[in-house]
Amino acid sequence: MPAPDVSAGVTEPPDAAGPRRRLGDRVGSVEVLAALLVLLIIFRDPLAGQLSSPRLQTWTTVFVSVMVQAVPFLVFGVLLSAAIAVFVPRSFWARALPRHPALAVPVASAAGVVLPGCECGAVPIAGSLIRRGVTPAAALAFLLAAPAINPIVLAATAVAFPNNPEMVLARGVASLIVAMVMGWLWLRLGRADWIRLPRRPELDSGSRGLAFWAAVRHDVTHAGGFLVLGAMAAATINVLVPERWLQTLADNPVLSVLALAVLAVLLSICSEADAFVAASLSQFSLTSRLVFLVVGPMVDLKLVSMQTGVFGRRFASRFAPATFVVAVVVAVGVGAVLL
């Protein structure tokens, strides 16, 4: 009796050797880096002349400053995001947050007090919260509140404004109100199909340790790329906007508020450092500078870029403009009362 053909019904992968050869023939990051180094050596003299330009030096300084401020907190947020995604069971969030979404929003907003970090780290954390079953309204409220009301940011604000301690209270109150209003607005007007979280197959790995580090690598690469784009845009705006425009705008109360709101978006300074920039803008009123401090951690170029990468373009194109308007209105109102 002939032995059964065990290969029957088994489909061989098409040209298994072919894909391996094609993958080996692809140009990788090492080859690209080597080519760039060769080009830098060849064109080192003309490049050295260009790098000595004052405008380019300013651009480089701003770009490096944004990256140096943001990267540590991005890494912190990525590690916390991966831990939430891999180690925290879904049942925890059901117990930690109120079941009613409208009540979960203020609780999630207040949770920002206990998590020091900036907007760079809050974006991946919010994405992980949504993946773990947290209602998007609560996750988005946390996304806006955490960078603005955590102890590090409030302490930095107190140091930057030693003669105006009311600025600390005004910033905390205004930021908390904006976060809750945007969470409730999402409950009322938001749509689930506006959020397009990327597929994360690495989170389904059998080993939690492997899944954790795979999630860290993914988030650092993904969010870091958008952070670089945002930092480049902020540096470019810094070079192109003449400083003399600021003094002209400061003389008009309405234009000064709008100018600092837009400036906060363009500069893209991390929330741990923006208070010192606001304090240096002494030609502007305290209310205008409060607008700068409230808008910046919630809507800036790098944050919008990262939101686009994590939640999708449809989300960012709606959420960022709405947050900008609410932040300006609330900050002006709180400034009128407390400052």
C-alpha atoms as a PDB file:
ATOM      1  CA  MET A   1       0.000   0.000   0.000  1.00  0.00           C
ATOM      2  CA  PRO A   2       1.620   3.314  -1.036  1.00  0.00           C
ATOM      3  CA  ALA A   3       2.317   5.857   1.641  1.00  0.00           C
ATOM      4  CA  PRO A   4      -0.156   8.736   1.739  1.00  0.00           C
ATOM      5  CA  ASP A   5       0.949  11.909   0.043  1.00  0.00           C
ATOM      6  CA  VAL A   6       1.244  14.278   2.998  1.00  0.00           C
ATOM      7  CA  SER A   7       1.862  17.193   0.678  1.00  0.00           C
ATOM      8  CA  ALA A   8      -1.625  16.947  -0.750  1.00  0.00           C
ATOM      9  CA  GLY A   9      -3.677  20.001   0.014  1.00  0.00           C
ATOM     10  CA  VAL A  10      -0.656  22.004   1.174  1.00  0.00           C
ATOM     11  CA  THR A  11      -0.089  25.162  -0.838  1.00  0.00           C
ATOM     12  CA  GLU A  12       3.518  26.151  -1.334  1.00  0.00           C
ATOM     13  CA  PRO A  13       4.260  29.854  -0.970  1.00  0.00           C
ATOM     14  CA  PRO A  14       4.756  31.274  -4.440  1.00  0.00           C
ATOM     15  CA  ASP A  15       8.441  31.634  -5.228  1.00  0.00           C
ATOM     16  CA  ALA A  16       9.633  31.659  -1.642  1.00  0.00           C
ATOM     17  CA  ALA A  17      13.173  32.430  -2.758  1.00  0.00           C
ATOM     18  CA  GLY A  18      12.019  35.242  -5.028  1.00  0.00           C
ATOM     19  CA  PRO A  19      10.745  37.581  -2.301  1.00  0.00           C
ATOM     20  CA  ARG A  20      13.916  36.998  -0.304  1.00  0.00           C
ATOM     21  CA  ARG A  21      16.016  38.022  -3.269  1.00  0.00           C
ATOM     22  CA  ARG A  22      13.843  41.061  -3.878  1.00  0.00           C
ATOM     23  CA  LEU A  23      14.001  42.113  -0.221  1.00  0.00           C
ATOM     24  CA  GLY A  24      17.755  41.790  -0.295  1.00  0.00           C
ATOM     25  CA  ASP A  25      17.968  43.944  -3.388  1.00  0.00           C
ATOM     26  CA  ARG A  26      16.051  46.823  -1.827  1.00  0.00           C
ATOM     27  CA  VAL A  27      17.879  49.953  -0.736  1.00  0.00           C
ATOM     28  CA  GLY A  28      17.766  50.147   3.055  1.00  0.00           C
ATOM     29  CA  SER A  29      18.381  52.863   5.627  1.00  0.00           C
ATOM     30  CA  VAL A  30      22.082  51.956   5.917  1.00  0.00           C
ATOM     31  CA  GLU A  31      22.618  52.523   2.195  1.00  0.00           C
ATOM     32  CA  VAL A  32      20.719  55.818   2.325  1.00  0.00           C
ATOM     33  CA  LEU A  33      22.785  57.010   5.296  1.00  0.00           C
ATOM     34  CA  ALA A  34      26.010  56.028   3.540  1.00  0.00           C
ATOM     35  CA  ALA A  35      24.972  57.944   0.407  1.00  0.00           C
ATOM     36  CA  LEU A  36      24.147  61.036   2.485  1.00  0.00           C
ATOM     37  CA  LEU A  37      27.520  60.900   4.221  1.00  0.00           C
ATOM     38  CA  VAL A  38      29.300  60.682   0.855  1.00  0.00           C
ATOM     39  CA  LEU A  39      27.331  63.683  -0.438  1.00  0.00           C
ATOM     40  CA  LEU A  40      28.132  65.658   2.718  1.00  0.00           C
ATOM     41  CA  ILE A  41      31.838  64.982   2.232  1.00  0.00           C
ATOM     42  CA  ILE A  42      31.727  65.968  -1.438  1.00  0.00           C
ATOM     43  CA  PHE A  43      29.758  69.168  -0.904  1.00  0.00           C
ATOM     44  CA  ARG A  44      31.148  70.101   2.512  1.00  0.00           C
ATOM     45  CA  ASP A  45      32.547  73.493   1.402  1.00  0.00           C
ATOM     46  CA  PRO A  46      29.347  74.959  -0.109  1.00  0.00           C
ATOM     47  CA  LEU A  47      27.291  73.496   2.739  1.00  0.00           C
ATOM     48  CA  ALA A  48      29.582  75.099   5.321  1.00  0.00           C
ATOM     49  CA  GLY A  49      28.976  78.485   3.727  1.00  0.00           C
ATOM     50  CA  GLN A  50      25.227  77.999   3.810  1.00  0.00           C
ATOM     51  CA  LEU A  51      25.245  76.836   7.426  1.00  0.00           C
ATOM     52  CA  SER A  52      26.958  80.059   8.488  1.00  0.00           C
ATOM     53  CA  SER A  53      23.884  82.066   7.455  1.00  0.00           C
ATOM     54  CA  PRO A  54      22.258  83.738  10.529  1.00  0.00           C
ATOM     55  CA  ARG A  55      18.759  82.773   9.375  1.00  0.00           C
ATOM     56  CA  LEU A  56      19.736  79.147   8.983  1.00  0.00           C
ATOM     57  CA  GLN A  57      21.429  79.176  12.370  1.00  0.00           C
ATOM     58  CA  THR A  58      18.217  80.544  13.893  1.00  0.00           C
ATOM     59  CA  TRP A  59      16.210  77.859  12.117  1.00  0.00           C
ATOM     60  CA  THR A  60      18.543  75.158  13.413  1.00  0.00           C
ATOM     61  CA  THR A  61      18.437  76.538  16.950  1.00  0.00           C
ATOM     62  CA  VAL A  62      14.628  76.586  17.044  1.00  0.00           C
ATOM     63  CA  PHE A  63      14.345  73.127  15.491  1.00  0.00           C
ATOM     64  CA  VAL A  64      16.819  71.595  17.926  1.00  0.00           C
ATOM     65  CA  SER A  65      15.172  73.390  20.872  1.00  0.00           C
ATOM     66  CA  VAL A  66      11.726  72.028  20.012  1.00  0.00           C
ATOM     67  CA  MET A  67      13.109  68.518  19.584  1.00  0.00           C
ATOM     68  CA  VAL A  68      15.175  68.619  22.797  1.00  0.00           C
ATOM     69  CA  GLN A  69      12.151  69.819  24.783  1.00  0.00           C
ATOM     70  CA  ALA A  70       9.733  67.354  23.227  1.00  0.00           C
ATOM     71  CA  VAL A  71      11.645  64.079  22.841  1.00  0.00           C
ATOM     72  CA  PRO A  72      12.000  63.168  26.557  1.00  0.00           C
ATOM     73  CA  PHE A  73       8.292  63.648  27.143  1.00  0.00           C
ATOM     74  CA  LEU A  74       7.448  61.868  23.896  1.00  0.00           C
ATOM     75  CA  VAL A  75       9.444  58.872  25.104  1.00  0.00           C
ATOM     76  CA  PHE A  76       7.719  59.029  28.502  1.00  0.00           C
ATOM     77  CA  GLY A  77       4.317  59.136  26.800  1.00  0.00           C
ATOM     78  CA  VAL A  78       5.218  56.289  24.466  1.00  0.00           C
ATOM     79  CA  LEU A  79       6.344  54.071  27.356  1.00  0.00           C
ATOM     80  CA  LEU A  80       3.178  54.860  29.298  1.00  0.00           C
ATOM     81  CA  SER A  81       1.071  54.322  26.178  1.00  0.00           C
ATOM     82  CA  ALA A  82       2.626  50.910  25.541  1.00  0.00           C
ATOM     83  CA  ALA A  83       2.125  49.923  29.184  1.00  0.00           C
ATOM     84  CA  ILE A  84      -1.544  50.924  28.994  1.00  0.00           C
ATOM     85  CA  ALA A  85      -2.047  49.076  25.715  1.00  0.00           C
ATOM     86  CA  VAL A  86      -0.367  45.842  26.830  1.00  0.00           C
ATOM     87  CA  PHE A  87      -0.582  45.477  30.611  1.00  0.00           C
ATOM     88  CA  VAL A  88      -3.753  47.298  31.702  1.00  0.00           C
ATOM     89  CA  PRO A  89      -6.877  45.158  31.223  1.00  0.00           C
ATOM     90  CA  ARG A  90      -9.994  46.660  29.717  1.00  0.00           C
ATOM     91  CA  SER A  91     -11.911  45.933  32.929  1.00  0.00           C
ATOM     92  CA  PHE A  92      -9.737  48.468  34.797  1.00  0.00           C
ATOM     93  CA  TRP A  93     -11.103  51.390  32.783  1.00  0.00           C
ATOM     94  CA  ALA A  94     -14.636  50.208  33.334  1.00  0.00           C
ATOM     95  CA  ARG A  95     -14.019  50.454  37.080  1.00  0.00           C
ATOM     96  CA  ALA A  96     -11.873  53.618  37.056  1.00  0.00           C
ATOM     97  CA  LEU A  97     -14.168  55.830  34.984  1.00  0.00           C
ATOM     98  CA  PRO A  98     -17.874  56.510  35.468  1.00  0.00           C
ATOM     99  CA  ARG A  99     -20.057  54.508  33.130  1.00  0.00           C
ATOM    100  CA  HIS A 100     -21.904  57.553  31.885  1.00  0.00           C
ATOM    101  CA  PRO A 101     -19.716  59.217  29.205  1.00  0.00           C
ATOM    102  CA  ALA A 102     -20.712  62.726  30.284  1.00  0.00           C
ATOM    103  CA  LEU A 103     -19.375  62.022  33.801  1.00  0.00           C
ATOM    104  CA  ALA A 104     -16.265  60.257  32.486  1.00  0.00           C
ATOM    105  CA  VAL A 105     -15.137  63.439  30.731  1.00  0.00           C
ATOM    106  CA  PRO A 106     -14.405  65.560  33.853  1.00  0.00           C
ATOM    107  CA  VAL A 107     -12.840  62.574  35.629  1.00  0.00           C
ATOM    108  CA  ALA A 108     -10.508  61.965  32.694  1.00  0.00           C
ATOM    109  CA  SER A 109      -9.711  65.674  32.515  1.00  0.00           C
ATOM    110  CA  ALA A 110      -8.789  65.795  36.206  1.00  0.00           C
ATOM    111  CA  ALA A 111      -6.564  62.717  35.708  1.00  0.00           C
ATOM    112  CA  GLY A 112      -4.176  64.976  33.828  1.00  0.00           C
ATOM    113  CA  VAL A 113      -3.065  66.393  37.178  1.00  0.00           C
ATOM    114  CA  VAL A 114      -1.322  63.166  38.178  1.00  0.00           C
ATOM    115  CA  LEU A 115       0.463  62.472  34.887  1.00  0.00           C
ATOM    116  CA  PRO A 116       3.368  64.891  34.265  1.00  0.00           C
ATOM    117  CA  GLY A 117       4.109  65.183  30.572  1.00  0.00           C
ATOM    118  CA  CYS A 118       3.542  67.319  27.516  1.00  0.00           C
ATOM    119  CA  GLU A 119       1.306  67.140  24.487  1.00  0.00           C
ATOM    120  CA  CYS A 120       3.848  64.949  22.673  1.00  0.00           C
ATOM    121  CA  GLY A 121       3.319  62.142  25.175  1.00  0.00           C
ATOM    122  CA  ALA A 122      -0.428  62.673  25.637  1.00  0.00           C
ATOM    123  CA  VAL A 123      -1.271  61.839  22.008  1.00  0.00           C
ATOM    124  CA  PRO A 124      -0.135  58.179  22.045  1.00  0.00           C
ATOM    125  CA  ILE A 125      -1.588  57.751  25.549  1.00  0.00           C
ATOM    126  CA  ALA A 126      -5.009  58.931  24.328  1.00  0.00           C
ATOM    127  CA  GLY A 127      -4.790  56.500  21.425  1.00  0.00           C
ATOM    128  CA  SER A 128      -4.086  53.636  23.817  1.00  0.00           C
ATOM    129  CA  LEU A 129      -6.988  54.656  26.064  1.00  0.00           C
ATOM    130  CA  ILE A 130      -9.386  54.477  23.120  1.00  0.00           C
ATOM    131  CA  ARG A 131      -8.013  51.046  22.163  1.00  0.00           C
ATOM    132  CA  ARG A 132      -8.611  49.833  25.720  1.00  0.00           C
ATOM    133  CA  GLY A 133     -12.284  50.725  25.530  1.00  0.00           C
ATOM    134  CA  VAL A 134     -12.312  54.234  27.025  1.00  0.00           C
ATOM    135  CA  THR A 135     -14.959  56.425  25.437  1.00  0.00           C
ATOM    136  CA  PRO A 136     -13.260  58.771  22.922  1.00  0.00           C
ATOM    137  CA  ALA A 137     -14.739  61.852  24.635  1.00  0.00           C
ATOM    138  CA  ALA A 138     -12.936  61.007  27.888  1.00  0.00           C
ATOM    139  CA  ALA A 139      -9.688  60.102  26.111  1.00  0.00           C
ATOM    140  CA  LEU A 140      -9.741  63.384  24.171  1.00  0.00           C
ATOM    141  CA  ALA A 141     -10.454  65.365  27.334  1.00  0.00           C
ATOM    142  CA  PHE A 142      -7.401  63.745  28.919  1.00  0.00           C
ATOM    143  CA  LEU A 143      -5.386  64.511  25.775  1.00  0.00           C
ATOM    144  CA  LEU A 144      -6.108  68.234  26.172  1.00  0.00           C
ATOM    145  CA  ALA A 145      -5.900  68.483  29.966  1.00  0.00           C
ATOM    146  CA  ALA A 146      -2.775  66.450  30.750  1.00  0.00           C
ATOM    147  CA  PRO A 147      -0.223  68.779  29.102  1.00  0.00           C
ATOM    148  CA  ALA A 148      -1.703  71.905  30.693  1.00  0.00           C
ATOM    149  CA  ILE A 149      -2.669  71.128  34.286  1.00  0.00           C
ATOM    150  CA  ASN A 150      -0.007  68.675  35.453  1.00  0.00           C
ATOM    151  CA  PRO A 151       2.208  69.741  38.396  1.00  0.00           C
ATOM    152  CA  ILE A 152       5.347  70.294  36.299  1.00  0.00           C
ATOM    153  CA  VAL A 153       3.609  72.761  33.983  1.00  0.00           C
ATOM    154  CA  LEU A 154       1.917  74.648  36.811  1.00  0.00           C
ATOM    155  CA  ALA A 155       5.191  74.865  38.744  1.00  0.00           C
ATOM    156  CA  ALA A 156       6.976  76.180  35.656  1.00  0.00           C
ATOM    157  CA  THR A 157       4.244  78.789  35.234  1.00  0.00           C
ATOM    158  CA  ALA A 158       4.670  79.918  38.852  1.00  0.00           C
ATOM    159  CA  VAL A 159       8.416  80.293  38.352  1.00  0.00           C
ATOM    160  CA  ALA A 160       7.953  82.209  35.084  1.00  0.00           C
ATOM    161  CA  PHE A 161       5.403  84.615  36.623  1.00  0.00           C
ATOM    162  CA  PRO A 162       6.676  85.219  40.186  1.00  0.00           C
ATOM    163  CA  ASN A 163       4.823  88.550  40.450  1.00  0.00           C
ATOM    164  CA  ASN A 164       1.571  87.172  39.027  1.00  0.00           C
ATOM    165  CA  PRO A 165       0.654  84.010  40.972  1.00  0.00           C
ATOM    166  CA  GLU A 166      -2.911  84.340  39.701  1.00  0.00           C
ATOM    167  CA  MET A 167      -1.597  83.242  36.292  1.00  0.00           C
ATOM    168  CA  VAL A 168      -1.127  79.702  37.642  1.00  0.00           C
ATOM    169  CA  LEU A 169      -4.743  79.482  38.777  1.00  0.00           C
ATOM    170  CA  ALA A 170      -6.010  81.070  35.572  1.00  0.00           C
ATOM    171  CA  ARG A 171      -4.075  78.629  33.409  1.00  0.00           C
ATOM    172  CA  GLY A 172      -5.221  75.577  35.341  1.00  0.00           C
ATOM    173  CA  VAL A 173      -8.883  76.627  35.423  1.00  0.00           C
ATOM    174  CA  ALA A 174      -9.040  77.693  31.771  1.00  0.00           C
ATOM    175  CA  SER A 175      -7.293  74.547  30.510  1.00  0.00           C
ATOM    176  CA  LEU A 176      -9.526  72.263  32.569  1.00  0.00           C
ATOM    177  CA  ILE A 177     -12.657  74.004  31.274  1.00  0.00           C
ATOM    178  CA  VAL A 178     -11.514  73.720  27.659  1.00  0.00           C
ATOM    179  CA  ALA A 179     -10.759  70.002  28.048  1.00  0.00           C
ATOM    180  CA  MET A 180     -14.180  69.280  29.525  1.00  0.00           C
ATOM    181  CA  VAL A 181     -16.028  71.428  26.962  1.00  0.00           C
ATOM    182  CA  MET A 182     -14.297  69.655  24.078  1.00  0.00           C
ATOM    183  CA  GLY A 183     -15.067  66.263  25.601  1.00  0.00           C
ATOM    184  CA  TRP A 184     -18.733  67.128  25.915  1.00  0.00           C
ATOM    185  CA  LEU A 185     -18.770  68.619  22.409  1.00  0.00           C
ATOM    186  CA  TRP A 186     -17.387  65.349  21.086  1.00  0.00           C
ATOM    187  CA  LEU A 187     -20.185  63.465  22.829  1.00  0.00           C
ATOM    188  CA  ARG A 188     -22.694  65.767  21.169  1.00  0.00           C
ATOM    189  CA  LEU A 189     -21.222  66.274  17.715  1.00  0.00           C
ATOM    190  CA  GLY A 190     -18.381  63.780  17.241  1.00  0.00           C
ATOM    191  CA  ARG A 191     -18.597  60.723  15.031  1.00  0.00           C
ATOM    192  CA  ALA A 192     -16.788  57.449  15.536  1.00  0.00           C
ATOM    193  CA  ASP A 193     -15.748  57.203  11.873  1.00  0.00           C
ATOM    194  CA  TRP A 194     -13.726  60.425  12.196  1.00  0.00           C
ATOM    195  CA  ILE A 195     -11.153  58.523  14.282  1.00  0.00           C
ATOM    196  CA  ARG A 196      -9.045  56.094  12.273  1.00  0.00           C
ATOM    197  CA  LEU A 197      -6.601  54.422  14.625  1.00  0.00           C
ATOM    198  CA  PRO A 198      -3.907  52.543  12.700  1.00  0.00           C
ATOM    199  CA  ARG A 199      -3.868  48.756  12.968  1.00  0.00           C
ATOM    200  CA  ARG A 200      -1.579  47.527  15.725  1.00  0.00           C
ATOM    201  CA  PRO A 201      -0.887  43.809  15.096  1.00  0.00           C
ATOM    202  CA  GLU A 202       2.090  43.943  17.449  1.00  0.00           C
ATOM    203  CA  LEU A 203      -0.316  44.324  20.379  1.00  0.00           C
ATOM    204  CA  ASP A 204      -1.727  40.848  19.646  1.00  0.00           C
ATOM    205  CA  SER A 205       1.608  39.128  20.286  1.00  0.00           C
ATOM    206  CA  GLY A 206       1.455  36.185  22.667  1.00  0.00           C
ATOM    207  CA  SER A 207       4.243  37.580  24.859  1.00  0.00           C
ATOM    208  CA  ARG A 208       3.457  40.766  26.756  1.00  0.00           C
ATOM    209  CA  GLY A 209       7.118  41.733  26.843  1.00  0.00           C
ATOM    210  CA  LEU A 210       7.494  41.417  23.079  1.00  0.00           C
ATOM    211  CA  ALA A 211       4.211  43.269  22.544  1.00  0.00           C
ATOM    212  CA  PHE A 212       5.345  46.081  24.854  1.00  0.00           C
ATOM    213  CA  TRP A 213       8.643  46.720  23.072  1.00  0.00           C
ATOM    214  CA  ALA A 214       7.033  46.346  19.659  1.00  0.00           C
ATOM    215  CA  ALA A 215       4.478  48.992  20.655  1.00  0.00           C
ATOM    216  CA  VAL A 216       7.271  51.278  21.927  1.00  0.00           C
ATOM    217  CA  ARG A 217       9.208  50.979  18.668  1.00  0.00           C
ATOM    218  CA  HIS A 218       6.089  51.622  16.615  1.00  0.00           C
ATOM    219  CA  ASP A 219       5.018  54.710  18.577  1.00  0.00           C
ATOM    220  CA  VAL A 220       8.500  56.254  18.707  1.00  0.00           C
ATOM    221  CA  THR A 221       8.895  55.859  14.946  1.00  0.00           C
ATOM    222  CA  HIS A 222       5.358  56.926  14.086  1.00  0.00           C
ATOM    223  CA  ALA A 223       4.851  59.836  16.478  1.00  0.00           C
ATOM    224  CA  GLY A 224       8.499  60.892  16.230  1.00  0.00           C
ATOM    225  CA  GLY A 225       8.221  61.371  12.486  1.00  0.00           C
ATOM    226  CA  PHE A 226       5.302  63.745  12.846  1.00  0.00           C
ATOM    227  CA  LEU A 227       7.101  65.515  15.678  1.00  0.00           C
ATOM    228  CA  VAL A 228      10.022  66.217  13.333  1.00  0.00           C
ATOM    229  CA  LEU A 229       7.665  67.630  10.697  1.00  0.00           C
ATOM    230  CA  GLY A 230       6.010  69.880  13.257  1.00  0.00           C
ATOM    231  CA  ALA A 231       9.356  71.066  14.619  1.00  0.00           C
ATOM    232  CA  MET A 232      10.541  71.897  11.099  1.00  0.00           C
ATOM    233  CA  ALA A 233       7.384  73.912  10.427  1.00  0.00           C
ATOM    234  CA  ALA A 234       7.719  75.779  13.738  1.00  0.00           C
ATOM    235  CA  ALA A 235      11.350  76.642  13.015  1.00  0.00           C
ATOM    236  CA  THR A 236      10.446  77.913   9.553  1.00  0.00           C
ATOM    237  CA  ILE A 237       7.722  80.180  10.938  1.00  0.00           C
ATOM    238  CA  ASN A 238      10.116  81.520  13.572  1.00  0.00           C
ATOM    239  CA  VAL A 239      12.519  82.620  10.866  1.00  0.00           C
ATOM    240  CA  LEU A 240       9.917  84.090   8.521  1.00  0.00           C
ATOM    241  CA  VAL A 241       7.821  86.152  10.997  1.00  0.00           C
ATOM    242  CA  PRO A 242       9.473  89.577  11.674  1.00  0.00           C
ATOM    243  CA  GLU A 243       9.743  90.463  15.361  1.00  0.00           C
ATOM    244  CA  ARG A 244       8.618  94.051  14.782  1.00  0.00           C
ATOM    245  CA  TRP A 245       5.143  92.780  13.940  1.00  0.00           C
ATOM    246  CA  LEU A 246       4.689  91.675  17.545  1.00  0.00           C
ATOM    247  CA  GLN A 247       4.991  95.159  19.003  1.00  0.00           C
ATOM    248  CA  THR A 248       2.462  96.522  16.510  1.00  0.00           C
ATOM    249  CA  LEU A 249      -0.037  93.802  17.377  1.00  0.00           C
ATOM    250  CA  ALA A 250       0.434  94.216  21.151  1.00  0.00           C
ATOM    251  CA  ASP A 251      -1.048  97.724  21.013  1.00  0.00           C
ATOM    252  CA  ASN A 252      -4.478  96.387  19.949  1.00  0.00           C
ATOM    253  CA  PRO A 253      -6.324  94.335  22.649  1.00  0.00           C
ATOM    254  CA  VAL A 254      -8.235  92.174  20.178  1.00  0.00           C
ATOM    255  CA  LEU A 255      -5.387  91.650  17.758  1.00  0.00           C
ATOM    256  CA  SER A 256      -2.982  90.917  20.612  1.00  0.00           C
ATOM    257  CA  VAL A 257      -5.158  88.001  21.760  1.00  0.00           C
ATOM    258  CA  LEU A 258      -5.463  86.590  18.244  1.00  0.00           C
ATOM    259  CA  ALA A 259      -1.762  87.181  17.560  1.00  0.00           C
ATOM    260  CA  LEU A 260      -0.577  85.236  20.603  1.00  0.00           C
ATOM    261  CA  ALA A 261      -3.111  82.477  19.935  1.00  0.00           C
ATOM    262  CA  VAL A 262      -1.749  82.047  16.410  1.00  0.00           C
ATOM    263  CA  LEU A 263       1.819  82.423  17.665  1.00  0.00           C
ATOM    264  CA  ALA A 264       1.253  79.588  20.155  1.00  0.00           C
ATOM    265  CA  VAL A 265       0.141  77.350  17.283  1.00  0.00           C
ATOM    266  CA  LEU A 266       3.113  78.275  15.120  1.00  0.00           C
ATOM    267  CA  LEU A 267       5.874  78.151  17.728  1.00  0.00           C
ATOM    268  CA  SER A 268       4.924  74.643  18.935  1.00  0.00           C
ATOM    269  CA  ILE A 269       6.693  74.983  22.279  1.00  0.00           C
ATOM    270  CA  CYS A 270       6.224  72.174  24.790  1.00  0.00           C
ATOM    271  CA  SER A 271       4.011  73.041  27.743  1.00  0.00           C
ATOM    272  CA  GLU A 272       6.888  72.673  30.208  1.00  0.00           C
ATOM    273  CA  ALA A 273       8.715  75.594  28.545  1.00  0.00           C
ATOM    274  CA  ASP A 274       6.005  77.839  27.084  1.00  0.00           C
ATOM    275  CA  ALA A 275       5.459  79.811  30.310  1.00  0.00           C
ATOM    276  CA  PHE A 276       8.960  81.295  30.057  1.00  0.00           C
ATOM    277  CA  VAL A 277       8.310  82.349  26.462  1.00  0.00           C
ATOM    278  CA  ALA A 278       4.998  83.916  27.506  1.00  0.00           C
ATOM    279  CA  ALA A 279       6.695  85.769  30.358  1.00  0.00           C
ATOM    280  CA  SER A 280       9.219  87.225  27.906  1.00  0.00           C
ATOM    281  CA  LEU A 281       6.412  88.741  25.813  1.00  0.00           C
ATOM    282  CA  SER A 282       6.053  91.558  28.317  1.00  0.00           C
ATOM    283  CA  GLN A 283       4.619  93.995  25.775  1.00  0.00           C
ATOM    284  CA  PHE A 284       1.402  91.932  25.739  1.00  0.00           C
ATOM    285  CA  SER A 285      -1.309  91.911  28.402  1.00  0.00           C
ATOM    286  CA  LEU A 286      -1.663  89.076  30.934  1.00  0.00           C
ATOM    287  CA  THR A 287      -4.884  87.940  29.262  1.00  0.00           C
ATOM    288  CA  SER A 288      -3.164  87.717  25.881  1.00  0.00           C
ATOM    289  CA  ARG A 289      -0.370  85.686  27.430  1.00  0.00           C
ATOM    290  CA  LEU A 290      -2.905  83.438  29.138  1.00  0.00           C
ATOM    291  CA  VAL A 291      -4.401  82.732  25.716  1.00  0.00           C
ATOM    292  CA  PHE A 292      -0.911  81.772  24.555  1.00  0.00           C
ATOM    293  CA  LEU A 293      -0.531  79.350  27.480  1.00  0.00           C
ATOM    294  CA  VAL A 294      -3.946  77.744  27.022  1.00  0.00           C
ATOM    295  CA  VAL A 295      -3.876  77.383  23.237  1.00  0.00           C
ATOM    296  CA  GLY A 296      -0.288  76.152  22.888  1.00  0.00           C
ATOM    297  CA  PRO A 297      -0.536  72.772  24.670  1.00  0.00           C
ATOM    298  CA  MET A 298      -3.819  71.995  22.887  1.00  0.00           C
ATOM    299  CA  VAL A 299      -3.300  73.213  19.315  1.00  0.00           C
ATOM    300  CA  ASP A 300       0.130  73.606  17.750  1.00  0.00           C
ATOM    301  CA  LEU A 301       1.819  72.448  14.556  1.00  0.00           C
ATOM    302  CA  LYS A 302       3.568  69.403  15.971  1.00  0.00           C
ATOM    303  CA  LEU A 303       0.495  68.369  17.971  1.00  0.00           C
ATOM    304  CA  VAL A 304      -1.803  68.590  14.934  1.00  0.00           C
ATOM    305  CA  SER A 305       0.758  66.596  12.939  1.00  0.00           C
ATOM    306  CA  MET A 306       0.890  63.902  15.606  1.00  0.00           C
ATOM    307  CA  GLN A 307      -2.921  63.820  15.915  1.00  0.00           C
ATOM    308  CA  THR A 308      -3.107  63.303  12.159  1.00  0.00           C
ATOM    309  CA  GLY A 309      -0.743  60.360  12.421  1.00  0.00           C
ATOM    310  CA  VAL A 310      -2.460  58.723  15.402  1.00  0.00           C
ATOM    311  CA  PHE A 311      -6.161  59.508  14.808  1.00  0.00           C
ATOM    312  CA  GLY A 312      -6.356  60.356  11.108  1.00  0.00           C
ATOM    313  CA  ARG A 313      -6.688  63.460   8.956  1.00  0.00           C
ATOM    314  CA  ARG A 314     -10.487  63.649   9.207  1.00  0.00           C
ATOM    315  CA  PHE A 315     -10.240  63.864  12.983  1.00  0.00           C
ATOM    316  CA  ALA A 316      -7.471  66.466  13.111  1.00  0.00           C
ATOM    317  CA  SER A 317      -9.111  68.726  10.515  1.00  0.00           C
ATOM    318  CA  ARG A 318     -12.212  69.018  12.724  1.00  0.00           C
ATOM    319  CA  PHE A 319     -10.890  68.693  16.266  1.00  0.00           C
ATOM    320  CA  ALA A 320      -7.983  71.163  16.058  1.00  0.00           C
ATOM    321  CA  PRO A 321      -9.960  74.196  14.742  1.00  0.00           C
ATOM    322  CA  ALA A 322     -12.777  73.608  17.234  1.00  0.00           C
ATOM    323  CA  THR A 323     -10.278  73.335  20.103  1.00  0.00           C
ATOM    324  CA  PHE A 324      -8.590  76.549  18.978  1.00  0.00           C
ATOM    325  CA  VAL A 325     -11.847  78.541  19.071  1.00  0.00           C
ATOM    326  CA  VAL A 326     -12.952  77.124  22.431  1.00  0.00           C
ATOM    327  CA  ALA A 327      -9.501  77.695  23.971  1.00  0.00           C
ATOM    328  CA  VAL A 328      -9.385  81.348  22.890  1.00  0.00           C
ATOM    329  CA  VAL A 329     -12.910  82.099  24.132  1.00  0.00           C
ATOM    330  CA  VAL A 330     -12.451  80.338  27.491  1.00  0.00           C
ATOM    331  CA  ALA A 331      -9.011  81.867  28.110  1.00  0.00           C
ATOM    332  CA  VAL A 332     -10.286  85.387  27.437  1.00  0.00           C
ATOM    333  CA  GLY A 333     -13.237  84.805  29.765  1.00  0.00           C
ATOM    334  CA  VAL A 334     -11.116  83.373  32.575  1.00  0.00           C
ATOM    335  CA  GLY A 335      -8.547  86.148  32.101  1.00  0.00           C
ATOM    336  CA  ALA A 336     -11.250  88.783  32.428  1.00  0.00           C
ATOM    337  CA  VAL A 337     -12.297  87.291  35.776  1.00  0.00           C
ATOM    338  CA  LEU A 338      -9.010  86.236  37.386  1.00  0.00           C
ATOM    339  CA  LEU A 339      -6.357  88.548  35.894  1.00  0.00           C
END
